[in-house]
Amino acid sequence: MQGSVEDIEIDLLLEAIYQFYHYDFRHYARASIKRRLLQARDRMGFSSFSAMQEKLLHDPAMLPGLLNYLTVQVSEMFRDPSYFRALREKVVPHLKTYPSLKLWVAGCSNGEELYSLAILLREEGLNRRAMIYATDINPDALQAAEAGVYPLDQIRKFTENHQKSGARSSLSDYYTADYGRAVFDKRLRERVVFSDHSLVTDAVFAEMHLISCRNVLIYFDRELQDRAIGLFHESLARKGFLGLGSKESLRFSGQAAGFSDFVREEKIYQRRDLS
């Protein structure tokens, strides 16, 4: 009985967040969203999800803190280096044939993936012709991404990943150390647009040559995954590329016919025309 009451409370809380604040978590993977809500409830000092809902509806100042629990901000620069090596070796030659480029980092979190791509583009001589769109639903994450500041103790791992990705320079060329922090060169974001965008509710906003959305779809249920993948297909230019996370796949998606494998082992796909 207790479990069913808790599940009803969660449904009502997610509906309240959607109706009142227009953030839609109703189709996120249930086990994942429940785990994060439990953590938020306990750490924020509420006795129940109903108490959380009451507070949330009457105190908008609570929303940013809750969003930090509901959105995932765990990443690292050049995460899965073989993915970035595949971009460098297999995708970049195609990107070099375009006079101008648009790339989308969907679910950019605190910006690690964004800066990884910006550095790769600079190393490959594409930074001057590329515009990057970095989007997320969490305003705190977008602010952190725009700042480009990371704990210095993470840099060793970032550097190791960068070298494994086929780096053509040293990661230290792109940041300065300052009081235990690594502050990344603001020139890396000269051609970056940071924007609030939801894969759940928002539409296409530009035609892209490469979309990198890694380790986001694993938090969605099947219906929402299909919506997001359909959005990516609609957003991509003819023969554009989509990169997913290592635990994600198009294999069981209703949108799979819109893509062909490009680098199968690295979950890099190419848009296929359906007509």
Protein backbone atom coordinates (compact mmCIF):
# COMPACT_ATOMS: atom_id res chain seq x y z
CA MET A 1 0.00 0.00 0.00
CA GLN A 2 2.77 2.41 0.92
CA GLY A 3 4.46 1.97 -2.44
CA SER A 4 1.28 2.76 -4.38
CA VAL A 5 0.61 5.91 -2.32
CA GLU A 6 4.19 7.04 -2.95
CA ASP A 7 3.81 6.44 -6.69
CA ILE A 8 0.59 8.48 -6.76
CA GLU A 9 2.36 11.29 -4.92
CA ILE A 10 5.18 11.20 -7.47
CA ASP A 11 2.70 11.36 -10.36
CA LEU A 12 0.99 14.35 -8.79
CA LEU A 13 4.29 16.10 -8.08
CA LEU A 14 5.53 15.65 -11.66
CA GLU A 15 2.17 16.86 -12.98
CA ALA A 16 2.38 19.92 -10.73
CA ILE A 17 5.89 20.72 -11.97
CA TYR A 18 4.64 20.47 -15.56
CA GLN A 19 1.41 22.44 -15.08
CA PHE A 20 2.91 25.21 -12.97
CA TYR A 21 6.50 25.54 -14.24
CA HIS A 22 6.33 23.86 -17.68
CA TYR A 23 9.17 21.43 -16.97
CA ASP A 24 8.03 18.00 -18.10
CA PHE A 25 9.58 15.01 -16.32
CA ARG A 26 6.50 12.80 -16.68
CA HIS A 27 8.09 10.56 -19.30
CA TYR A 28 11.52 10.21 -17.76
CA ALA A 29 12.49 6.62 -16.91
CA ARG A 30 10.51 5.83 -13.76
CA ALA A 31 13.20 4.15 -11.71
CA SER A 32 15.67 6.96 -12.38
CA ILE A 33 13.28 9.85 -11.65
CA LYS A 34 11.98 8.13 -8.50
CA ARG A 35 15.52 7.62 -7.20
CA ARG A 36 16.35 11.28 -7.76
CA LEU A 37 13.12 12.48 -6.18
CA LEU A 38 13.75 10.33 -3.11
CA GLN A 39 17.19 11.86 -2.78
CA ALA A 40 15.75 15.36 -3.15
CA ARG A 41 12.97 14.69 -0.63
CA ASP A 42 15.37 13.39 2.01
CA ARG A 43 18.10 15.99 1.52
CA MET A 44 15.65 18.89 1.34
CA GLY A 45 14.03 17.75 4.58
CA PHE A 46 10.49 16.83 3.49
CA SER A 47 8.44 14.07 5.08
CA SER A 48 6.59 13.22 1.86
CA PHE A 49 6.30 14.07 -1.83
CA SER A 50 2.97 15.74 -1.06
CA ALA A 51 4.76 18.12 1.30
CA MET A 52 7.30 18.83 -1.46
CA GLN A 53 4.48 19.58 -3.89
CA GLU A 54 2.76 21.99 -1.51
CA LYS A 55 5.98 23.89 -0.92
CA LEU A 56 6.87 23.94 -4.61
CA LEU A 57 3.51 25.37 -5.66
CA HIS A 58 3.74 28.20 -3.16
CA ASP A 59 7.46 28.95 -3.27
CA PRO A 60 9.01 29.25 -6.76
CA ALA A 61 12.42 29.77 -5.15
CA MET A 62 12.47 26.03 -4.44
CA LEU A 63 12.45 25.08 -8.14
CA PRO A 64 16.15 25.65 -9.03
CA GLY A 65 17.30 23.43 -6.17
CA LEU A 66 14.89 20.68 -7.20
CA LEU A 67 16.00 20.89 -10.84
CA ASN A 68 19.56 20.19 -9.71
CA TYR A 69 18.35 16.81 -8.45
CA LEU A 70 16.12 16.02 -11.44
CA THR A 71 18.68 16.82 -14.13
CA VAL A 72 21.93 14.88 -14.35
CA GLN A 73 25.16 16.91 -14.34
CA VAL A 74 27.79 14.19 -14.15
CA SER A 75 30.23 14.20 -17.04
CA GLU A 76 33.87 14.72 -17.96
CA MET A 77 35.75 16.23 -20.86
CA PHE A 78 36.38 13.87 -23.79
CA ARG A 79 34.34 11.21 -22.00
CA ASP A 80 34.71 7.93 -23.92
CA PRO A 81 37.78 9.13 -25.86
CA SER A 82 37.20 6.63 -28.66
CA TYR A 83 33.98 8.48 -29.50
CA PHE A 84 35.90 11.71 -30.01
CA ARG A 85 38.60 9.89 -31.96
CA ALA A 86 35.88 8.55 -34.27
CA LEU A 87 34.49 12.07 -34.71
CA ARG A 88 37.98 13.31 -35.50
CA GLU A 89 38.88 10.55 -37.94
CA LYS A 90 35.53 9.66 -39.56
CA VAL A 91 33.13 12.60 -39.18
CA VAL A 92 35.42 15.65 -39.41
CA PRO A 93 36.49 14.87 -43.03
CA HIS A 94 32.81 15.19 -44.00
CA LEU A 95 32.34 18.36 -41.94
CA LYS A 96 35.31 19.94 -43.71
CA THR A 97 33.38 19.87 -47.00
CA TYR A 98 30.89 22.48 -45.70
CA PRO A 99 31.62 26.22 -45.83
CA SER A 100 29.80 26.72 -42.53
CA LEU A 101 28.69 24.35 -39.80
CA LYS A 102 26.13 24.13 -37.03
CA LEU A 103 26.57 21.70 -34.15
CA TRP A 104 24.18 21.02 -31.28
CA VAL A 105 25.17 19.70 -27.86
CA ALA A 106 21.77 18.64 -26.51
CA GLY A 107 21.68 18.30 -22.75
CA CYS A 108 25.01 20.09 -22.33
CA SER A 109 24.94 19.92 -18.52
CA ASN A 110 27.91 21.81 -17.07
CA GLY A 111 29.64 22.07 -20.44
CA GLU A 112 32.26 19.32 -20.49
CA GLU A 113 31.01 17.90 -23.81
CA LEU A 114 30.73 21.38 -25.27
CA TYR A 115 34.34 22.31 -24.50
CA SER A 116 35.52 18.92 -25.75
CA LEU A 117 33.89 19.59 -29.13
CA ALA A 118 35.10 23.20 -29.21
CA ILE A 119 38.70 22.05 -28.63
CA LEU A 120 38.39 19.29 -31.23
CA LEU A 121 37.06 21.79 -33.78
CA ARG A 122 39.93 24.16 -33.08
CA GLU A 123 42.48 21.37 -33.41
CA GLU A 124 40.93 20.36 -36.75
CA GLY A 125 40.79 23.93 -38.08
CA LEU A 126 37.00 24.12 -38.09
CA ASN A 127 36.37 26.52 -35.23
CA ARG A 128 36.08 29.64 -37.42
CA ARG A 129 33.30 28.19 -39.57
CA ALA A 130 31.35 26.36 -36.84
CA MET A 131 28.55 27.61 -34.60
CA ILE A 132 27.76 25.45 -31.57
CA TYR A 133 24.39 25.45 -29.81
CA ALA A 134 24.62 24.25 -26.20
CA THR A 135 21.23 23.55 -24.64
CA ASP A 136 19.87 22.28 -21.37
CA ILE A 137 16.71 22.68 -19.28
CA ASN A 138 18.62 23.53 -16.11
CA PRO A 139 19.53 27.24 -15.86
CA ASP A 140 22.21 26.55 -13.23
CA ALA A 141 23.87 24.03 -15.55
CA LEU A 142 23.80 26.50 -18.46
CA GLN A 143 25.37 29.15 -16.26
CA ALA A 144 28.13 26.74 -15.22
CA ALA A 145 28.72 25.73 -18.85
CA GLU A 146 29.02 29.36 -19.90
CA ALA A 147 31.52 30.03 -17.10
CA GLY A 148 33.77 27.11 -18.15
CA VAL A 149 35.31 26.60 -14.70
CA TYR A 150 36.08 23.12 -13.35
CA PRO A 151 37.83 21.75 -10.26
CA LEU A 152 41.54 21.40 -10.88
CA ASP A 153 41.52 17.86 -9.51
CA GLN A 154 39.45 16.78 -12.56
CA ILE A 155 42.01 18.02 -15.07
CA ARG A 156 44.25 14.97 -14.91
CA LYS A 157 41.38 12.76 -16.12
CA PHE A 158 40.32 15.35 -18.70
CA THR A 159 43.91 15.50 -20.00
CA GLU A 160 44.19 11.72 -20.21
CA ASN A 161 40.92 11.51 -22.16
CA HIS A 162 42.02 14.32 -24.47
CA GLN A 163 45.25 12.55 -25.38
CA LYS A 164 43.41 9.29 -26.05
CA SER A 165 41.02 11.13 -28.37
CA GLY A 166 43.85 11.79 -30.83
CA ALA A 167 44.70 15.25 -29.53
CA ARG A 168 46.77 17.55 -31.70
CA SER A 169 47.70 19.85 -28.82
CA SER A 170 47.95 19.91 -25.04
CA LEU A 171 44.82 20.47 -23.00
CA SER A 172 46.81 22.95 -20.90
CA ASP A 173 46.80 25.25 -23.94
CA TYR A 174 43.11 25.90 -23.31
CA TYR A 175 42.87 26.72 -19.60
CA THR A 176 44.58 28.60 -16.80
CA ALA A 177 44.88 27.30 -13.24
CA ASP A 178 43.46 29.63 -10.62
CA TYR A 179 42.98 28.86 -6.91
CA GLY A 180 42.21 25.17 -7.37
CA ARG A 181 40.16 25.74 -10.49
CA ALA A 182 40.74 25.35 -14.21
CA VAL A 183 39.31 28.30 -16.11
CA PHE A 184 38.85 27.52 -19.80
CA ASP A 185 39.74 30.06 -22.46
CA LYS A 186 36.73 32.27 -23.26
CA ARG A 187 37.70 32.13 -26.94
CA LEU A 188 36.42 28.53 -26.97
CA ARG A 189 32.90 29.88 -26.54
CA GLU A 190 33.10 32.84 -28.93
CA ARG A 191 30.89 30.96 -31.40
CA VAL A 192 28.69 29.19 -28.85
CA VAL A 193 25.03 29.96 -28.20
CA PHE A 194 23.79 28.86 -24.76
CA SER A 195 20.04 28.32 -24.61
CA ASP A 196 17.25 26.73 -22.60
CA HIS A 197 15.74 23.94 -24.70
CA SER A 198 13.69 20.90 -23.71
CA LEU A 199 13.76 17.69 -25.73
CA VAL A 200 10.40 16.91 -24.11
CA THR A 201 8.40 19.95 -25.19
CA ASP A 202 10.38 22.17 -27.57
CA ALA A 203 10.69 22.08 -31.36
CA VAL A 204 13.48 22.26 -33.94
CA PHE A 205 15.31 25.61 -33.91
CA ALA A 206 18.04 25.25 -36.59
CA GLU A 207 19.45 22.87 -39.20
CA MET A 208 22.44 21.00 -37.77
CA HIS A 209 25.35 19.10 -39.30
CA LEU A 210 26.20 17.27 -36.07
CA ILE A 211 24.13 16.63 -32.96
CA SER A 212 25.83 15.18 -29.90
CA CYS A 213 23.35 14.03 -27.26
CA ARG A 214 25.15 11.57 -25.04
CA ASN A 215 23.88 9.93 -21.87
CA VAL A 216 20.60 11.83 -21.93
CA LEU A 217 18.22 9.38 -23.60
CA ILE A 218 18.95 6.72 -20.97
CA TYR A 219 16.89 8.82 -18.55
CA PHE A 220 13.83 8.89 -20.85
CA ASP A 221 11.13 6.27 -21.32
CA ARG A 222 10.64 4.75 -24.79
CA GLU A 223 7.97 7.24 -25.88
CA LEU A 224 10.12 10.22 -24.98
CA GLN A 225 13.21 8.66 -26.56
CA ASP A 226 11.31 8.34 -29.83
CA ARG A 227 10.20 11.97 -29.63
CA ALA A 228 13.76 13.18 -29.07
CA ILE A 229 15.21 11.03 -31.85
CA GLY A 230 12.50 12.25 -34.22
CA LEU A 231 13.42 15.81 -33.27
CA PHE A 232 17.07 15.09 -34.05
CA HIS A 233 16.16 13.64 -37.44
CA GLU A 234 14.12 16.72 -38.25
CA SER A 235 16.96 18.99 -37.07
CA LEU A 236 19.75 17.38 -39.07
CA ALA A 237 20.85 18.52 -42.48
CA ARG A 238 20.90 15.94 -45.26
CA LYS A 239 23.44 13.26 -44.29
CA GLY A 240 24.05 14.98 -40.94
CA PHE A 241 25.42 13.07 -37.97
CA LEU A 242 24.01 12.07 -34.58
CA GLY A 243 26.19 10.89 -31.69
CA LEU A 244 24.70 9.04 -28.71
CA GLY A 245 26.14 7.70 -25.46
CA SER A 246 27.82 4.32 -25.10
CA LYS A 247 24.74 2.77 -23.42
CA GLU A 248 22.27 4.25 -25.91
CA SER A 249 21.10 2.92 -29.24
CA LEU A 250 18.61 3.51 -32.06
CA ARG A 251 18.10 -0.23 -32.50
CA PHE A 252 14.69 -0.43 -30.83
CA SER A 253 13.49 3.06 -31.65
CA GLY A 254 10.49 3.74 -33.83
CA GLN A 255 12.70 6.38 -35.48
CA ALA A 256 15.52 3.97 -36.38
CA ALA A 257 14.62 3.94 -40.09
CA GLY A 258 15.64 7.58 -40.29
CA PHE A 259 19.29 6.77 -39.60
CA SER A 260 22.04 4.48 -40.80
CA ASP A 261 25.02 3.29 -38.78
CA PHE A 262 28.09 5.39 -39.49
CA VAL A 263 30.48 4.28 -36.75
CA ARG A 264 28.43 1.54 -35.11
CA GLU A 265 30.73 0.79 -32.19
CA GLU A 266 30.77 4.46 -31.14
CA LYS A 267 27.01 5.03 -31.59
CA ILE A 268 27.49 7.58 -34.37
CA TYR A 269 24.66 7.60 -36.90
CA GLN A 270 23.99 9.41 -40.17
CA ARG A 271 20.65 10.87 -41.19
CA ARG A 272 18.85 8.91 -43.84
CA ASP A 273 16.16 10.49 -46.00
CA LEU A 274 12.84 8.71 -45.53
CA SER A 275 11.29 9.93 -48.79
